[in-house]
Amino acid sequence: MLAAKKADKRPIALLVPLTGPHSALGLSMQRAAMLAENTPSRLMVFDTGGTPVGAQAAALAAMKARCAMVLGPLLAAEAGPVVQAVAGRAPVICFSNDPAVRSTGAFVMGITATQVTGAVLRYARTRGIRRVAVIGDGNPWATAAATAAEALQGELNMAVQRIEVLPGGVVPGAGDAPDAVMIPGGGETMMAAARNLKGSGIQLLGTVQALDHRPASLELLDGAWLASPDPVAFGAFASAYEGRMGGAPGAIAALAYDAVTICRQLREKSTLDRAGLLAEPAYPAATGPLRFREDGSVARDMAIVVAGPDGYEKVAMSRGA
């Protein structure tokens, strides 16, 4: 009989900004990670200070501690220096949502505009939507969402038109009225656009950025279809976080929790390396089931939720392409 593999005892490194302008976010990520692994010898936290120089120093310290996996950094600008410092000695899983980070050699674990846009448009197509206007406000997320939507036109047999929102959230005319209008971002400008479209008969589409639980916002978004992390899985994580740490975590904190949970799974199999990370067909996660690809991208299943007076109801799951 073959002996069972022993669990890998090497530590993993979490690189987050515990000082600097993003320290509050970094602290929430650290706390979320500690929900998944609270043994100091297995989870080592390094402060990046929120700068490329600080991130590189943190990565060097992690390599000196012989960490098997590097989780972080948070910001896209920090990824290159971290990968450089690691020099292929461990996989780097960056929490940025910028797909360009893949060019550094890091995995991109952040929820991207492409993931949520693809999810909501694929669902919309199954419901008969053929013509979509994507509202932009100059925000990088909205621009990325519009680009992703345009790239899907052929695959989905869907016509996509970009429309820049006017001051006050006014949506200009688009010739033939679209079947749906997609609002990639959130904020007051996007809420104003939703207000102006109310009662028009045009279906509202949105992404995770537009999730807003305020009663007035739910009233405006009533009936809208949005792509987001599975509210059931995320809700379980959020409840555990609130009960243990206090406060409400965001999606970025959930990413840290998911990354550490994945490392725990690999540790038990003694496959805490790049090959082991890629070998798993799927990982359950608070931010939606996901899988890693050779090119550094992450495929993530997203929930489709419908906004209503009492919140958001999940109506479907969209498998990450």
C-alpha atoms as a PDB file:
ATOM      1  CA  MET A   1       0.000   0.000   0.000  1.00  0.00           C
ATOM      2  CA  LEU A   2       1.327   3.435  -0.928  1.00  0.00           C
ATOM      3  CA  ALA A   3       1.807   5.836   1.969  1.00  0.00           C
ATOM      4  CA  ALA A   4      -0.379   8.948   1.907  1.00  0.00           C
ATOM      5  CA  LYS A   5       1.362  12.178   1.010  1.00  0.00           C
ATOM      6  CA  LYS A   6       2.180  14.424   3.939  1.00  0.00           C
ATOM      7  CA  ALA A   7       0.701  17.908   3.920  1.00  0.00           C
ATOM      8  CA  ASP A   8       3.082  20.588   2.665  1.00  0.00           C
ATOM      9  CA  LYS A   9       4.230  22.608   5.675  1.00  0.00           C
ATOM     10  CA  ARG A  10       5.770  25.504   3.743  1.00  0.00           C
ATOM     11  CA  PRO A  11       4.187  28.894   4.468  1.00  0.00           C
ATOM     12  CA  ILE A  12       2.264  30.956   1.953  1.00  0.00           C
ATOM     13  CA  ALA A  13       2.769  34.717   1.689  1.00  0.00           C
ATOM     14  CA  LEU A  14       0.028  37.343   1.672  1.00  0.00           C
ATOM     15  CA  LEU A  15       1.238  40.674   0.267  1.00  0.00           C
ATOM     16  CA  VAL A  16      -1.179  43.473   1.203  1.00  0.00           C
ATOM     17  CA  PRO A  17      -0.971  47.202   2.012  1.00  0.00           C
ATOM     18  CA  LEU A  18      -1.146  47.442   5.803  1.00  0.00           C
ATOM     19  CA  THR A  19       0.180  51.001   5.693  1.00  0.00           C
ATOM     20  CA  GLY A  20      -0.400  53.808   3.195  1.00  0.00           C
ATOM     21  CA  PRO A  21      -3.601  54.985   1.496  1.00  0.00           C
ATOM     22  CA  HIS A  22      -5.006  51.472   1.003  1.00  0.00           C
ATOM     23  CA  SER A  23      -4.303  50.240   4.536  1.00  0.00           C
ATOM     24  CA  ALA A  24      -7.967  49.797   5.495  1.00  0.00           C
ATOM     25  CA  LEU A  25      -8.510  47.537   2.496  1.00  0.00           C
ATOM     26  CA  GLY A  26      -5.290  45.664   3.227  1.00  0.00           C
ATOM     27  CA  LEU A  27      -6.371  45.058   6.809  1.00  0.00           C
ATOM     28  CA  SER A  28      -9.732  43.660   5.687  1.00  0.00           C
ATOM     29  CA  MET A  29      -7.885  41.317   3.317  1.00  0.00           C
ATOM     30  CA  GLN A  30      -5.596  40.159   6.110  1.00  0.00           C
ATOM     31  CA  ARG A  31      -8.580  39.487   8.362  1.00  0.00           C
ATOM     32  CA  ALA A  32     -10.385  37.580   5.620  1.00  0.00           C
ATOM     33  CA  ALA A  33      -7.280  35.479   4.955  1.00  0.00           C
ATOM     34  CA  MET A  34      -7.078  34.629   8.653  1.00  0.00           C
ATOM     35  CA  LEU A  35     -10.584  33.144   8.464  1.00  0.00           C
ATOM     36  CA  ALA A  36      -9.185  30.539   6.095  1.00  0.00           C
ATOM     37  CA  GLU A  37      -5.821  30.009   7.814  1.00  0.00           C
ATOM     38  CA  ASN A  38      -4.920  31.297  11.265  1.00  0.00           C
ATOM     39  CA  THR A  39      -1.715  29.327  11.835  1.00  0.00           C
ATOM     40  CA  PRO A  40       1.127  31.898  11.703  1.00  0.00           C
ATOM     41  CA  SER A  41       3.642  29.333  10.482  1.00  0.00           C
ATOM     42  CA  ARG A  42       1.459  28.621   7.447  1.00  0.00           C
ATOM     43  CA  LEU A  43       0.291  32.156   6.583  1.00  0.00           C
ATOM     44  CA  MET A  44       2.836  34.961   6.627  1.00  0.00           C
ATOM     45  CA  VAL A  45       1.609  38.513   5.991  1.00  0.00           C
ATOM     46  CA  PHE A  46       3.900  41.133   4.448  1.00  0.00           C
ATOM     47  CA  ASP A  47       3.130  44.850   4.178  1.00  0.00           C
ATOM     48  CA  THR A  48       3.558  46.329   0.693  1.00  0.00           C
ATOM     49  CA  GLY A  49       2.804  49.891   1.784  1.00  0.00           C
ATOM     50  CA  GLY A  50       0.760  50.155  -1.414  1.00  0.00           C
ATOM     51  CA  THR A  51       3.810  50.970  -3.566  1.00  0.00           C
ATOM     52  CA  PRO A  52       5.825  49.023  -6.166  1.00  0.00           C
ATOM     53  CA  VAL A  53       8.999  49.434  -4.092  1.00  0.00           C
ATOM     54  CA  GLY A  54       7.263  48.240  -0.946  1.00  0.00           C
ATOM     55  CA  ALA A  55       5.684  45.317  -2.786  1.00  0.00           C
ATOM     56  CA  GLN A  56       9.035  44.218  -4.172  1.00  0.00           C
ATOM     57  CA  ALA A  57      10.620  44.367  -0.701  1.00  0.00           C
ATOM     58  CA  ALA A  58       7.724  42.314   0.674  1.00  0.00           C
ATOM     59  CA  ALA A  59       8.186  39.707  -2.062  1.00  0.00           C
ATOM     60  CA  LEU A  60      11.910  39.446  -1.341  1.00  0.00           C
ATOM     61  CA  ALA A  61      11.120  38.888   2.338  1.00  0.00           C
ATOM     62  CA  ALA A  62       8.617  36.190   1.377  1.00  0.00           C
ATOM     63  CA  MET A  63      11.230  34.401  -0.710  1.00  0.00           C
ATOM     64  CA  LYS A  64      13.723  34.628   2.141  1.00  0.00           C
ATOM     65  CA  ALA A  65      11.085  32.901   4.309  1.00  0.00           C
ATOM     66  CA  ARG A  66      10.794  30.206   1.596  1.00  0.00           C
ATOM     67  CA  CYS A  67       7.094  30.752   0.973  1.00  0.00           C
ATOM     68  CA  ALA A  68       5.557  28.290  -1.463  1.00  0.00           C
ATOM     69  CA  MET A  69       2.959  30.681  -2.916  1.00  0.00           C
ATOM     70  CA  VAL A  70       2.675  34.471  -3.121  1.00  0.00           C
ATOM     71  CA  LEU A  71      -0.838  35.883  -2.799  1.00  0.00           C
ATOM     72  CA  GLY A  72      -0.821  39.492  -3.902  1.00  0.00           C
ATOM     73  CA  PRO A  73      -0.027  42.222  -4.488  1.00  0.00           C
ATOM     74  CA  LEU A  74      -3.250  44.208  -4.676  1.00  0.00           C
ATOM     75  CA  LEU A  75      -2.396  46.812  -7.317  1.00  0.00           C
ATOM     76  CA  ALA A  76      -1.470  46.224 -10.947  1.00  0.00           C
ATOM     77  CA  ALA A  77       1.539  48.547 -10.723  1.00  0.00           C
ATOM     78  CA  GLU A  78       3.026  46.350  -7.993  1.00  0.00           C
ATOM     79  CA  ALA A  79       2.746  43.061  -9.888  1.00  0.00           C
ATOM     80  CA  GLY A  80       5.815  43.443 -12.110  1.00  0.00           C
ATOM     81  CA  PRO A  81       8.230  44.209  -9.251  1.00  0.00           C
ATOM     82  CA  VAL A  82       6.808  41.309  -7.218  1.00  0.00           C
ATOM     83  CA  VAL A  83       7.177  38.793 -10.052  1.00  0.00           C
ATOM     84  CA  GLN A  84      10.700  40.080 -10.636  1.00  0.00           C
ATOM     85  CA  ALA A  85      11.608  39.543  -6.970  1.00  0.00           C
ATOM     86  CA  VAL A  86      10.047  36.070  -6.865  1.00  0.00           C
ATOM     87  CA  ALA A  87      11.963  35.098 -10.036  1.00  0.00           C
ATOM     88  CA  GLY A  88       9.948  31.958 -10.735  1.00  0.00           C
ATOM     89  CA  ARG A  89      10.456  30.416  -7.308  1.00  0.00           C
ATOM     90  CA  ALA A  90       6.732  30.454  -6.503  1.00  0.00           C
ATOM     91  CA  PRO A  91       3.444  31.201  -8.270  1.00  0.00           C
ATOM     92  CA  VAL A  92       2.191  34.784  -7.868  1.00  0.00           C
ATOM     93  CA  ILE A  93      -1.570  35.321  -7.611  1.00  0.00           C
ATOM     94  CA  CYS A  94      -2.323  39.039  -7.984  1.00  0.00           C
ATOM     95  CA  PHE A  95      -5.597  40.503  -6.682  1.00  0.00           C
ATOM     96  CA  SER A  96      -5.773  43.161  -9.413  1.00  0.00           C
ATOM     97  CA  ASN A  97      -8.624  43.074 -11.956  1.00  0.00           C
ATOM     98  CA  ASP A  98      -6.393  44.392 -14.758  1.00  0.00           C
ATOM     99  CA  PRO A  99      -5.940  41.634 -17.392  1.00  0.00           C
ATOM    100  CA  ALA A 100      -2.683  43.286 -18.521  1.00  0.00           C
ATOM    101  CA  VAL A 101      -1.053  41.986 -15.329  1.00  0.00           C
ATOM    102  CA  ARG A 102      -0.844  38.579 -16.997  1.00  0.00           C
ATOM    103  CA  SER A 103       2.053  39.875 -19.069  1.00  0.00           C
ATOM    104  CA  THR A 104       4.176  39.955 -15.889  1.00  0.00           C
ATOM    105  CA  GLY A 105       3.729  36.225 -15.338  1.00  0.00           C
ATOM    106  CA  ALA A 106       1.282  36.604 -12.440  1.00  0.00           C
ATOM    107  CA  PHE A 107      -2.188  35.103 -12.268  1.00  0.00           C
ATOM    108  CA  VAL A 108      -5.003  37.695 -12.262  1.00  0.00           C
ATOM    109  CA  MET A 109      -7.513  36.753  -9.577  1.00  0.00           C
ATOM    110  CA  GLY A 110      -9.489  40.002  -9.427  1.00  0.00           C
ATOM    111  CA  ILE A 111     -13.028  40.061 -10.825  1.00  0.00           C
ATOM    112  CA  THR A 112     -12.617  41.536 -14.299  1.00  0.00           C
ATOM    113  CA  ALA A 113     -14.942  43.582 -16.460  1.00  0.00           C
ATOM    114  CA  THR A 114     -14.765  40.831 -19.079  1.00  0.00           C
ATOM    115  CA  GLN A 115     -15.999  38.193 -16.620  1.00  0.00           C
ATOM    116  CA  VAL A 116     -19.065  40.105 -15.459  1.00  0.00           C
ATOM    117  CA  THR A 117     -19.895  41.570 -18.873  1.00  0.00           C
ATOM    118  CA  GLY A 118     -19.751  38.161 -20.519  1.00  0.00           C
ATOM    119  CA  ALA A 119     -21.936  36.653 -17.806  1.00  0.00           C
ATOM    120  CA  VAL A 120     -24.745  39.216 -17.984  1.00  0.00           C
ATOM    121  CA  LEU A 121     -24.752  39.404 -21.798  1.00  0.00           C
ATOM    122  CA  ARG A 122     -24.869  35.619 -22.186  1.00  0.00           C
ATOM    123  CA  TYR A 123     -27.853  35.522 -19.846  1.00  0.00           C
ATOM    124  CA  ALA A 124     -29.516  38.421 -21.661  1.00  0.00           C
ATOM    125  CA  ARG A 125     -29.121  36.622 -24.987  1.00  0.00           C
ATOM    126  CA  THR A 126     -30.977  33.583 -23.609  1.00  0.00           C
ATOM    127  CA  ARG A 127     -33.809  35.953 -22.737  1.00  0.00           C
ATOM    128  CA  GLY A 128     -34.097  37.279 -26.276  1.00  0.00           C
ATOM    129  CA  ILE A 129     -31.984  40.426 -26.044  1.00  0.00           C
ATOM    130  CA  ARG A 130     -30.415  41.254 -29.423  1.00  0.00           C
ATOM    131  CA  ARG A 131     -29.450  44.958 -29.271  1.00  0.00           C
ATOM    132  CA  VAL A 132     -27.565  46.426 -26.320  1.00  0.00           C
ATOM    133  CA  ALA A 133     -26.385  49.960 -25.626  1.00  0.00           C
ATOM    134  CA  VAL A 134     -23.489  50.157 -23.165  1.00  0.00           C
ATOM    135  CA  ILE A 135     -23.363  53.387 -21.175  1.00  0.00           C
ATOM    136  CA  GLY A 136     -19.930  54.864 -20.528  1.00  0.00           C
ATOM    137  CA  ASP A 137     -18.918  57.698 -18.242  1.00  0.00           C
ATOM    138  CA  GLY A 138     -15.184  57.741 -18.922  1.00  0.00           C
ATOM    139  CA  ASN A 139     -14.510  55.348 -16.014  1.00  0.00           C
ATOM    140  CA  PRO A 140     -11.883  52.669 -16.858  1.00  0.00           C
ATOM    141  CA  TRP A 141     -14.218  49.895 -15.680  1.00  0.00           C
ATOM    142  CA  ALA A 142     -17.024  51.109 -17.965  1.00  0.00           C
ATOM    143  CA  THR A 143     -14.588  51.397 -20.875  1.00  0.00           C
ATOM    144  CA  ALA A 144     -13.327  47.846 -20.289  1.00  0.00           C
ATOM    145  CA  ALA A 145     -16.903  46.550 -20.047  1.00  0.00           C
ATOM    146  CA  ALA A 146     -17.857  48.208 -23.338  1.00  0.00           C
ATOM    147  CA  THR A 147     -14.797  46.728 -25.037  1.00  0.00           C
ATOM    148  CA  ALA A 148     -15.670  43.287 -23.680  1.00  0.00           C
ATOM    149  CA  ALA A 149     -19.267  43.646 -24.884  1.00  0.00           C
ATOM    150  CA  GLU A 150     -18.157  44.601 -28.391  1.00  0.00           C
ATOM    151  CA  ALA A 151     -15.852  41.588 -28.533  1.00  0.00           C
ATOM    152  CA  LEU A 152     -18.807  39.270 -27.834  1.00  0.00           C
ATOM    153  CA  GLN A 153     -21.022  40.548 -30.667  1.00  0.00           C
ATOM    154  CA  GLY A 154     -20.127  37.780 -33.110  1.00  0.00           C
ATOM    155  CA  GLU A 155     -20.257  34.961 -30.568  1.00  0.00           C
ATOM    156  CA  LEU A 156     -23.648  36.022 -29.216  1.00  0.00           C
ATOM    157  CA  ASN A 157     -25.147  37.379 -32.453  1.00  0.00           C
ATOM    158  CA  MET A 158     -25.777  40.603 -30.599  1.00  0.00           C
ATOM    159  CA  ALA A 159     -25.409  44.233 -31.699  1.00  0.00           C
ATOM    160  CA  VAL A 160     -23.587  46.450 -29.196  1.00  0.00           C
ATOM    161  CA  GLN A 161     -23.443  50.251 -29.261  1.00  0.00           C
ATOM    162  CA  ARG A 162     -21.429  52.469 -26.916  1.00  0.00           C
ATOM    163  CA  ILE A 163     -23.200  55.558 -25.564  1.00  0.00           C
ATOM    164  CA  GLU A 164     -21.522  58.203 -23.447  1.00  0.00           C
ATOM    165  CA  VAL A 165     -23.825  59.451 -20.724  1.00  0.00           C
ATOM    166  CA  LEU A 166     -24.564  63.183 -20.724  1.00  0.00           C
ATOM    167  CA  PRO A 167     -24.446  65.476 -17.669  1.00  0.00           C
ATOM    168  CA  GLY A 168     -27.200  64.619 -15.215  1.00  0.00           C
ATOM    169  CA  GLY A 169     -27.271  60.996 -16.319  1.00  0.00           C
ATOM    170  CA  VAL A 170     -29.196  61.720 -19.513  1.00  0.00           C
ATOM    171  CA  VAL A 171     -28.899  58.936 -22.085  1.00  0.00           C
ATOM    172  CA  PRO A 172     -28.775  60.363 -25.624  1.00  0.00           C
ATOM    173  CA  GLY A 173     -30.797  58.907 -28.446  1.00  0.00           C
ATOM    174  CA  ALA A 174     -29.351  55.859 -30.172  1.00  0.00           C
ATOM    175  CA  GLY A 175     -31.383  55.634 -33.351  1.00  0.00           C
ATOM    176  CA  ASP A 176     -33.397  52.437 -33.051  1.00  0.00           C
ATOM    177  CA  ALA A 177     -34.168  51.849 -29.384  1.00  0.00           C
ATOM    178  CA  PRO A 178     -32.047  49.030 -27.944  1.00  0.00           C
ATOM    179  CA  ASP A 179     -33.562  45.994 -26.248  1.00  0.00           C
ATOM    180  CA  ALA A 180     -31.357  46.607 -23.218  1.00  0.00           C
ATOM    181  CA  VAL A 181     -29.048  49.197 -21.738  1.00  0.00           C
ATOM    182  CA  MET A 182     -26.034  48.037 -19.784  1.00  0.00           C
ATOM    183  CA  ILE A 183     -24.770  50.177 -16.905  1.00  0.00           C
ATOM    184  CA  PRO A 184     -21.280  48.833 -16.122  1.00  0.00           C
ATOM    185  CA  GLY A 185     -20.507  51.018 -13.111  1.00  0.00           C
ATOM    186  CA  GLY A 186     -22.297  52.370 -10.090  1.00  0.00           C
ATOM    187  CA  GLY A 187     -22.400  55.784  -8.489  1.00  0.00           C
ATOM    188  CA  GLU A 188     -24.834  58.634  -8.836  1.00  0.00           C
ATOM    189  CA  THR A 189     -24.282  59.163 -12.563  1.00  0.00           C
ATOM    190  CA  MET A 190     -25.280  55.598 -13.301  1.00  0.00           C
ATOM    191  CA  MET A 191     -28.223  55.805 -10.905  1.00  0.00           C
ATOM    192  CA  ALA A 192     -29.362  58.925 -12.741  1.00  0.00           C
ATOM    193  CA  ALA A 193     -29.195  57.020 -16.024  1.00  0.00           C
ATOM    194  CA  ALA A 194     -31.310  54.246 -14.493  1.00  0.00           C
ATOM    195  CA  ARG A 195     -33.814  56.866 -13.326  1.00  0.00           C
ATOM    196  CA  ASN A 196     -34.103  58.347 -16.808  1.00  0.00           C
ATOM    197  CA  LEU A 197     -34.697  54.930 -18.340  1.00  0.00           C
ATOM    198  CA  LYS A 198     -37.361  53.952 -15.812  1.00  0.00           C
ATOM    199  CA  GLY A 199     -40.626  53.018 -17.472  1.00  0.00           C
ATOM    200  CA  SER A 200     -39.125  52.979 -20.969  1.00  0.00           C
ATOM    201  CA  GLY A 201     -39.576  49.234 -21.417  1.00  0.00           C
ATOM    202  CA  ILE A 202     -35.845  48.860 -22.024  1.00  0.00           C
ATOM    203  CA  GLN A 203     -34.209  46.122 -19.934  1.00  0.00           C
ATOM    204  CA  LEU A 204     -31.481  47.302 -17.558  1.00  0.00           C
ATOM    205  CA  LEU A 205     -28.271  45.265 -17.307  1.00  0.00           C
ATOM    206  CA  GLY A 206     -25.457  45.783 -14.821  1.00  0.00           C
ATOM    207  CA  THR A 207     -22.296  44.402 -13.287  1.00  0.00           C
ATOM    208  CA  VAL A 208     -21.118  43.833  -9.747  1.00  0.00           C
ATOM    209  CA  GLN A 209     -20.065  47.512  -9.602  1.00  0.00           C
ATOM    210  CA  ALA A 210     -23.719  48.570  -9.746  1.00  0.00           C
ATOM    211  CA  LEU A 211     -24.841  46.472  -6.759  1.00  0.00           C
ATOM    212  CA  ASP A 212     -26.349  48.897  -4.288  1.00  0.00           C
ATOM    213  CA  HIS A 213     -28.477  47.833  -1.322  1.00  0.00           C
ATOM    214  CA  ARG A 214     -29.873  51.253  -0.446  1.00  0.00           C
ATOM    215  CA  PRO A 215     -33.697  51.215  -0.700  1.00  0.00           C
ATOM    216  CA  ALA A 216     -33.753  54.172  -3.114  1.00  0.00           C
ATOM    217  CA  SER A 217     -31.235  52.459  -5.407  1.00  0.00           C
ATOM    218  CA  LEU A 218     -33.101  49.152  -5.292  1.00  0.00           C
ATOM    219  CA  GLU A 219     -36.209  51.009  -6.379  1.00  0.00           C
ATOM    220  CA  LEU A 220     -34.380  52.449  -9.385  1.00  0.00           C
ATOM    221  CA  LEU A 221     -32.792  49.129 -10.320  1.00  0.00           C
ATOM    222  CA  ASP A 222     -35.989  47.116  -9.829  1.00  0.00           C
ATOM    223  CA  GLY A 223     -36.052  44.361 -12.466  1.00  0.00           C
ATOM    224  CA  ALA A 224     -32.458  44.921 -13.594  1.00  0.00           C
ATOM    225  CA  TRP A 225     -30.284  41.899 -14.375  1.00  0.00           C
ATOM    226  CA  LEU A 226     -26.809  42.067 -12.859  1.00  0.00           C
ATOM    227  CA  ALA A 227     -23.788  39.759 -12.812  1.00  0.00           C
ATOM    228  CA  SER A 228     -22.159  39.295  -9.414  1.00  0.00           C
ATOM    229  CA  PRO A 229     -20.446  36.721  -7.193  1.00  0.00           C
ATOM    230  CA  ASP A 230     -22.871  34.034  -6.046  1.00  0.00           C
ATOM    231  CA  PRO A 231     -24.816  35.774  -3.232  1.00  0.00           C
ATOM    232  CA  VAL A 232     -25.220  32.473  -1.360  1.00  0.00           C
ATOM    233  CA  ALA A 233     -21.487  31.675  -1.252  1.00  0.00           C
ATOM    234  CA  PHE A 234     -20.513  35.296  -0.652  1.00  0.00           C
ATOM    235  CA  GLY A 235     -23.185  35.634   2.015  1.00  0.00           C
ATOM    236  CA  ALA A 236     -21.792  32.654   3.939  1.00  0.00           C
ATOM    237  CA  PHE A 237     -18.311  34.203   3.855  1.00  0.00           C
ATOM    238  CA  ALA A 238     -19.622  37.641   4.856  1.00  0.00           C
ATOM    239  CA  SER A 239     -21.524  36.189   7.815  1.00  0.00           C
ATOM    240  CA  ALA A 240     -18.432  34.333   9.019  1.00  0.00           C
ATOM    241  CA  TYR A 241     -16.308  37.470   8.617  1.00  0.00           C
ATOM    242  CA  GLU A 242     -18.767  39.656  10.489  1.00  0.00           C
ATOM    243  CA  GLY A 243     -19.152  37.121  13.292  1.00  0.00           C
ATOM    244  CA  ARG A 244     -15.406  36.685  13.747  1.00  0.00           C
ATOM    245  CA  MET A 245     -13.907  40.025  12.738  1.00  0.00           C
ATOM    246  CA  GLY A 246     -16.781  42.501  12.850  1.00  0.00           C
ATOM    247  CA  GLY A 247     -17.842  44.759   9.988  1.00  0.00           C
ATOM    248  CA  ALA A 248     -18.895  43.923   6.448  1.00  0.00           C
ATOM    249  CA  PRO A 249     -16.232  42.655   4.013  1.00  0.00           C
ATOM    250  CA  GLY A 250     -16.106  43.613   0.352  1.00  0.00           C
ATOM    251  CA  ALA A 251     -15.388  41.504  -2.720  1.00  0.00           C
ATOM    252  CA  ILE A 252     -11.638  42.231  -2.563  1.00  0.00           C
ATOM    253  CA  ALA A 253     -11.433  40.878   0.990  1.00  0.00           C
ATOM    254  CA  ALA A 254     -13.259  37.793  -0.280  1.00  0.00           C
ATOM    255  CA  LEU A 255     -10.539  37.327  -2.905  1.00  0.00           C
ATOM    256  CA  ALA A 256      -7.939  37.027  -0.140  1.00  0.00           C
ATOM    257  CA  TYR A 257     -10.122  34.503   1.668  1.00  0.00           C
ATOM    258  CA  ASP A 258     -10.563  32.473  -1.515  1.00  0.00           C
ATOM    259  CA  ALA A 259      -6.844  32.491  -2.359  1.00  0.00           C
ATOM    260  CA  VAL A 260      -5.857  31.213   1.088  1.00  0.00           C
ATOM    261  CA  THR A 261      -8.633  28.597   1.012  1.00  0.00           C
ATOM    262  CA  ILE A 262      -7.291  27.349  -2.324  1.00  0.00           C
ATOM    263  CA  CYS A 263      -3.788  27.109  -0.876  1.00  0.00           C
ATOM    264  CA  ARG A 264      -5.115  25.090   2.061  1.00  0.00           C
ATOM    265  CA  GLN A 265      -6.702  22.651  -0.374  1.00  0.00           C
ATOM    266  CA  LEU A 266      -3.439  22.286  -2.293  1.00  0.00           C
ATOM    267  CA  ARG A 267      -1.422  21.974   0.925  1.00  0.00           C
ATOM    268  CA  GLU A 268      -3.444  18.953   2.028  1.00  0.00           C
ATOM    269  CA  LYS A 269      -2.642  17.263  -1.285  1.00  0.00           C
ATOM    270  CA  SER A 270       1.007  18.348  -1.128  1.00  0.00           C
ATOM    271  CA  THR A 271       0.568  20.084  -4.501  1.00  0.00           C
ATOM    272  CA  LEU A 272       1.287  23.641  -3.354  1.00  0.00           C
ATOM    273  CA  ASP A 273       2.864  24.795  -6.634  1.00  0.00           C
ATOM    274  CA  ARG A 274       1.962  26.030 -10.110  1.00  0.00           C
ATOM    275  CA  ALA A 275       1.273  22.560 -11.474  1.00  0.00           C
ATOM    276  CA  GLY A 276      -1.036  21.782  -8.578  1.00  0.00           C
ATOM    277  CA  LEU A 277      -2.836  25.112  -8.959  1.00  0.00           C
ATOM    278  CA  LEU A 278      -3.536  24.437 -12.632  1.00  0.00           C
ATOM    279  CA  ALA A 279      -4.440  20.776 -12.184  1.00  0.00           C
ATOM    280  CA  GLU A 280      -7.665  21.359 -10.259  1.00  0.00           C
ATOM    281  CA  PRO A 281     -10.700  21.593 -12.599  1.00  0.00           C
ATOM    282  CA  ALA A 282     -12.495  24.029 -10.272  1.00  0.00           C
ATOM    283  CA  TYR A 283     -12.285  25.626  -6.855  1.00  0.00           C
ATOM    284  CA  PRO A 284     -15.393  26.569  -4.854  1.00  0.00           C
ATOM    285  CA  ALA A 285     -15.045  30.188  -3.772  1.00  0.00           C
ATOM    286  CA  ALA A 286     -16.911  33.025  -2.086  1.00  0.00           C
ATOM    287  CA  THR A 287     -16.448  35.073  -5.265  1.00  0.00           C
ATOM    288  CA  GLY A 288     -17.788  32.284  -7.479  1.00  0.00           C
ATOM    289  CA  PRO A 289     -16.392  28.903  -8.602  1.00  0.00           C
ATOM    290  CA  LEU A 290     -13.136  29.471 -10.469  1.00  0.00           C
ATOM    291  CA  ARG A 291     -10.278  27.767 -12.272  1.00  0.00           C
ATOM    292  CA  PHE A 292      -6.799  28.923 -13.234  1.00  0.00           C
ATOM    293  CA  ARG A 293      -5.439  28.879 -16.782  1.00  0.00           C
ATOM    294  CA  GLU A 294      -1.919  28.540 -18.133  1.00  0.00           C
ATOM    295  CA  ASP A 295      -1.977  32.082 -19.552  1.00  0.00           C
ATOM    296  CA  GLY A 296      -2.510  33.587 -16.098  1.00  0.00           C
ATOM    297  CA  SER A 297      -6.226  34.250 -16.501  1.00  0.00           C
ATOM    298  CA  VAL A 298      -8.920  32.945 -14.168  1.00  0.00           C
ATOM    299  CA  ALA A 299     -12.271  31.639 -15.388  1.00  0.00           C
ATOM    300  CA  ARG A 300     -14.976  32.481 -12.865  1.00  0.00           C
ATOM    301  CA  ASP A 301     -18.612  31.424 -12.736  1.00  0.00           C
ATOM    302  CA  MET A 302     -20.865  34.400 -11.997  1.00  0.00           C
ATOM    303  CA  ALA A 303     -24.368  34.584 -10.621  1.00  0.00           C
ATOM    304  CA  ILE A 304     -27.104  36.490 -12.404  1.00  0.00           C
ATOM    305  CA  VAL A 305     -29.268  38.350  -9.924  1.00  0.00           C
ATOM    306  CA  VAL A 306     -32.445  40.364 -10.367  1.00  0.00           C
ATOM    307  CA  ALA A 307     -32.870  43.548  -8.348  1.00  0.00           C
ATOM    308  CA  GLY A 308     -36.068  43.949  -6.383  1.00  0.00           C
ATOM    309  CA  PRO A 309     -37.432  45.986  -3.456  1.00  0.00           C
ATOM    310  CA  ASP A 310     -36.049  43.462  -0.944  1.00  0.00           C
ATOM    311  CA  GLY A 311     -32.601  43.017  -2.513  1.00  0.00           C
ATOM    312  CA  TYR A 312     -31.135  40.750  -5.180  1.00  0.00           C
ATOM    313  CA  GLU A 313     -32.452  37.305  -6.117  1.00  0.00           C
ATOM    314  CA  LYS A 314     -30.227  34.788  -7.925  1.00  0.00           C
ATOM    315  CA  VAL A 315     -31.908  33.470 -11.066  1.00  0.00           C
ATOM    316  CA  ALA A 316     -29.042  31.756 -12.888  1.00  0.00           C
ATOM    317  CA  MET A 317     -25.330  30.920 -12.907  1.00  0.00           C
ATOM    318  CA  SER A 318     -23.172  31.776 -15.902  1.00  0.00           C
ATOM    319  CA  ARG A 319     -20.158  29.526 -16.433  1.00  0.00           C
ATOM    320  CA  GLY A 320     -16.900  31.391 -17.003  1.00  0.00           C
ATOM    321  CA  ALA A 321     -15.742  31.046 -20.586  1.00  0.00           C
END
